């Protein structure tokens, strides 16, 4: 089940190509590596939405909530690992 999730994540476009290639080759990188890239992606999205003057208040709130969820998930995942 865990390998299926990693495979889906590798195909999702949420990870850099080099990390996705490692997963698709059958190796599973450390959880810290995957979590780091997911949190960085959430940070990037938050920065883009937050700095765009055309973003609505709701879009900014959603970006902030997603960033919060990413950090909380990262903390939970890394504590369990």
N, C-alpha and C. Protein backbone atom coordinates (compact mmCIF):
# COMPACT_ATOMS: atom_id res chain seq x y z
N UNK A 1 0.83 -1.19 0.00
CA UNK A 1 0.00 0.00 0.00
C UNK A 1 0.88 1.26 0.00
N UNK A 2 1.93 1.24 0.82
CA UNK A 2 2.80 2.41 0.90
C UNK A 2 3.47 2.69 -0.44
N UNK A 3 3.90 1.63 -1.14
CA UNK A 3 4.54 1.82 -2.44
C UNK A 3 3.56 2.36 -3.47
N UNK A 4 2.28 1.98 -3.37
CA UNK A 4 1.27 2.51 -4.28
C UNK A 4 1.11 4.02 -4.07
N UNK A 5 1.11 4.44 -2.83
CA UNK A 5 0.98 5.87 -2.53
C UNK A 5 2.18 6.63 -3.07
N UNK A 6 3.38 6.09 -2.87
CA UNK A 6 4.57 6.74 -3.40
C UNK A 6 4.52 6.80 -4.93
N UNK A 7 4.04 5.75 -5.56
CA UNK A 7 3.92 5.74 -7.01
C UNK A 7 2.95 6.80 -7.51
N UNK A 8 1.83 6.93 -6.83
CA UNK A 8 0.87 7.97 -7.20
C UNK A 8 1.46 9.35 -6.98
N UNK A 9 2.19 9.52 -5.90
CA UNK A 9 2.83 10.79 -5.61
C UNK A 9 3.88 11.13 -6.68
N UNK A 10 4.62 10.13 -7.14
CA UNK A 10 5.63 10.35 -8.17
C UNK A 10 4.99 10.80 -9.49
N UNK A 11 3.81 10.31 -9.78
CA UNK A 11 3.10 10.68 -11.01
C UNK A 11 2.33 11.99 -10.87
N UNK A 12 2.18 12.51 -9.67
CA UNK A 12 1.32 13.67 -9.43
C UNK A 12 1.90 15.00 -9.88
N UNK A 13 3.22 15.07 -10.01
CA UNK A 13 3.85 16.34 -10.35
C UNK A 13 4.17 17.19 -9.13
N UNK A 14 3.92 16.68 -7.94
CA UNK A 14 4.19 17.43 -6.71
C UNK A 14 5.65 17.32 -6.27
N UNK A 15 6.35 16.36 -6.81
CA UNK A 15 7.76 16.16 -6.44
C UNK A 15 8.65 16.55 -7.61
N UNK A 16 9.89 16.96 -7.32
CA UNK A 16 10.83 17.24 -8.41
C UNK A 16 11.07 15.97 -9.24
N UNK A 17 11.47 16.17 -10.49
CA UNK A 17 11.65 15.05 -11.40
C UNK A 17 12.65 14.02 -10.90
N UNK A 18 13.74 14.46 -10.26
CA UNK A 18 14.75 13.51 -9.79
C UNK A 18 14.22 12.62 -8.68
N UNK A 19 13.42 13.18 -7.78
CA UNK A 19 12.85 12.38 -6.68
C UNK A 19 11.78 11.44 -7.24
N UNK A 20 10.97 11.93 -8.16
CA UNK A 20 9.94 11.09 -8.78
C UNK A 20 10.59 9.94 -9.54
N UNK A 21 11.70 10.20 -10.22
CA UNK A 21 12.39 9.15 -10.97
C UNK A 21 12.91 8.05 -10.05
N UNK A 22 13.41 8.44 -8.89
CA UNK A 22 13.90 7.45 -7.91
C UNK A 22 12.75 6.56 -7.46
N UNK A 23 11.60 7.17 -7.19
CA UNK A 23 10.44 6.41 -6.74
C UNK A 23 9.97 5.47 -7.85
N UNK A 24 9.89 5.99 -9.07
CA UNK A 24 9.42 5.17 -10.19
C UNK A 24 10.39 4.05 -10.53
N UNK A 25 11.66 4.21 -10.16
CA UNK A 25 12.65 3.16 -10.37
C UNK A 25 12.52 2.05 -9.33
N UNK A 26 11.67 2.25 -8.34
CA UNK A 26 11.44 1.21 -7.33
C UNK A 26 12.08 1.48 -5.99
N UNK A 27 12.84 2.54 -5.87
CA UNK A 27 13.45 2.89 -4.59
C UNK A 27 12.57 3.91 -3.89
N UNK A 28 12.51 3.81 -2.59
CA UNK A 28 11.74 4.78 -1.80
C UNK A 28 12.72 5.67 -1.05
N UNK A 29 12.71 6.98 -1.36
CA UNK A 29 13.61 7.88 -0.65
C UNK A 29 13.17 8.03 0.81
N UNK A 30 14.03 8.57 1.65
CA UNK A 30 13.63 8.78 3.05
C UNK A 30 12.39 9.67 3.13
N UNK A 31 11.58 9.43 4.13
CA UNK A 31 10.35 10.22 4.32
C UNK A 31 10.67 11.70 4.44
N UNK A 32 11.80 12.03 5.05
CA UNK A 32 12.18 13.43 5.22
C UNK A 32 12.32 14.14 3.87
N UNK A 33 12.85 13.44 2.88
CA UNK A 33 13.04 14.03 1.55
C UNK A 33 11.69 14.33 0.91
N UNK A 34 10.79 13.39 0.97
CA UNK A 34 9.46 13.57 0.36
C UNK A 34 8.71 14.68 1.07
N UNK A 35 8.73 14.66 2.39
CA UNK A 35 8.01 15.67 3.17
C UNK A 35 8.58 17.06 2.90
N UNK A 36 9.90 17.17 2.82
CA UNK A 36 10.53 18.45 2.55
C UNK A 36 10.03 19.04 1.23
N UNK A 37 9.99 18.23 0.19
CA UNK A 37 9.56 18.73 -1.12
C UNK A 37 8.08 19.10 -1.12
N UNK A 38 7.26 18.37 -0.40
CA UNK A 38 5.84 18.71 -0.33
C UNK A 38 5.61 20.02 0.42
N UNK A 39 6.34 20.21 1.51
CA UNK A 39 6.21 21.46 2.27
C UNK A 39 6.74 22.64 1.44
N UNK A 40 7.84 22.44 0.74
CA UNK A 40 8.36 23.51 -0.11
C UNK A 40 7.37 23.87 -1.21
N UNK A 41 6.69 22.88 -1.76
CA UNK A 41 5.67 23.15 -2.77
C UNK A 41 4.52 23.97 -2.20
N UNK A 42 4.11 23.65 -0.97
CA UNK A 42 3.05 24.42 -0.32
C UNK A 42 3.51 25.84 -0.02
N UNK A 43 4.78 25.99 0.38
CA UNK A 43 5.33 27.33 0.61
C UNK A 43 5.35 28.15 -0.68
N UNK A 44 5.75 27.53 -1.77
CA UNK A 44 5.77 28.23 -3.06
C UNK A 44 4.38 28.68 -3.46
N UNK A 45 3.41 27.79 -3.32
CA UNK A 45 2.03 28.13 -3.69
C UNK A 45 1.51 29.27 -2.82
N UNK A 46 1.82 29.23 -1.54
CA UNK A 46 1.38 30.29 -0.63
C UNK A 46 2.02 31.62 -1.03
N UNK A 47 3.29 31.59 -1.38
CA UNK A 47 3.98 32.82 -1.78
C UNK A 47 3.39 33.40 -3.06
N UNK A 48 3.09 32.54 -4.01
CA UNK A 48 2.54 33.01 -5.28
C UNK A 48 1.16 33.62 -5.07
N UNK A 49 0.31 32.93 -4.35
CA UNK A 49 -1.05 33.42 -4.11
C UNK A 49 -1.02 34.68 -3.25
N UNK A 50 -0.18 34.68 -2.22
CA UNK A 50 -0.12 35.82 -1.31
C UNK A 50 0.42 37.08 -1.95
N UNK A 51 1.28 36.94 -2.94
CA UNK A 51 1.87 38.13 -3.56
C UNK A 51 1.12 38.58 -4.81
N UNK A 52 0.14 37.84 -5.22
CA UNK A 52 -0.64 38.22 -6.41
C UNK A 52 -1.75 39.18 -6.01
N UNK A 53 -1.72 40.41 -6.48
CA UNK A 53 -2.75 41.37 -6.09
C UNK A 53 -4.15 41.00 -6.60
N UNK A 54 -4.20 40.09 -7.57
CA UNK A 54 -5.51 39.67 -8.08
C UNK A 54 -6.12 38.52 -7.29
N UNK A 55 -5.38 37.98 -6.32
CA UNK A 55 -5.90 36.88 -5.50
C UNK A 55 -6.98 37.39 -4.57
N UNK A 56 -8.02 36.59 -4.45
CA UNK A 56 -9.11 36.99 -3.56
C UNK A 56 -8.74 36.64 -2.11
N UNK A 57 -9.50 37.17 -1.21
CA UNK A 57 -9.28 36.87 0.21
C UNK A 57 -9.44 35.38 0.47
N UNK A 58 -10.43 34.77 -0.17
CA UNK A 58 -10.63 33.33 0.02
C UNK A 58 -9.47 32.51 -0.53
N UNK A 59 -8.92 32.91 -1.66
CA UNK A 59 -7.76 32.21 -2.20
C UNK A 59 -6.57 32.31 -1.26
N UNK A 60 -6.37 33.46 -0.67
CA UNK A 60 -5.28 33.62 0.30
C UNK A 60 -5.50 32.77 1.54
N UNK A 61 -6.74 32.72 2.00
CA UNK A 61 -7.05 31.88 3.17
C UNK A 61 -6.83 30.41 2.86
N UNK A 62 -7.25 29.97 1.68
CA UNK A 62 -7.06 28.56 1.30
C UNK A 62 -5.58 28.24 1.21
N UNK A 63 -4.79 29.11 0.61
CA UNK A 63 -3.35 28.88 0.51
C UNK A 63 -2.73 28.79 1.90
N UNK A 64 -3.17 29.61 2.81
CA UNK A 64 -2.63 29.58 4.18
C UNK A 64 -3.04 28.29 4.88
N UNK A 65 -4.28 27.86 4.68
CA UNK A 65 -4.73 26.60 5.30
C UNK A 65 -3.97 25.40 4.74
N UNK A 66 -3.72 25.40 3.44
CA UNK A 66 -2.97 24.31 2.83
C UNK A 66 -1.54 24.29 3.39
N UNK A 67 -0.95 25.45 3.53
CA UNK A 67 0.40 25.53 4.10
C UNK A 67 0.40 25.02 5.53
N UNK A 68 -0.58 25.40 6.31
CA UNK A 68 -0.70 24.92 7.69
C UNK A 68 -0.86 23.41 7.72
N UNK A 69 -1.71 22.88 6.86
CA UNK A 69 -1.91 21.42 6.81
C UNK A 69 -0.62 20.71 6.42
N UNK A 70 0.14 21.30 5.49
CA UNK A 70 1.41 20.68 5.08
C UNK A 70 2.39 20.62 6.24
N UNK A 71 2.49 21.71 6.99
CA UNK A 71 3.40 21.72 8.13
C UNK A 71 2.96 20.75 9.22
N UNK A 72 1.67 20.72 9.52
CA UNK A 72 1.19 19.79 10.55
C UNK A 72 1.37 18.34 10.11
N UNK A 73 1.12 18.07 8.84
CA UNK A 73 1.32 16.72 8.32
C UNK A 73 2.79 16.34 8.39
N UNK A 74 3.66 17.29 8.06
CA UNK A 74 5.10 17.03 8.12
C UNK A 74 5.53 16.70 9.54
N UNK A 75 5.06 17.47 10.48
CA UNK A 75 5.41 17.20 11.88
C UNK A 75 4.94 15.82 12.30
N UNK A 76 3.73 15.47 11.94
CA UNK A 76 3.17 14.16 12.30
C UNK A 76 3.95 13.04 11.64
N UNK A 77 4.24 13.21 10.36
CA UNK A 77 4.94 12.16 9.61
C UNK A 77 6.35 11.96 10.15
N UNK A 78 7.04 13.03 10.42
CA UNK A 78 8.43 12.90 10.85
C UNK A 78 8.54 12.42 12.28
N UNK A 79 7.56 12.68 13.10
CA UNK A 79 7.57 12.17 14.47
C UNK A 79 7.35 10.66 14.46
N UNK A 80 6.49 10.18 13.55
CA UNK A 80 6.19 8.75 13.45
C UNK A 80 7.32 7.97 12.79
N UNK A 81 8.10 8.64 11.93
CA UNK A 81 9.14 7.93 11.16
C UNK A 81 10.32 7.53 12.00
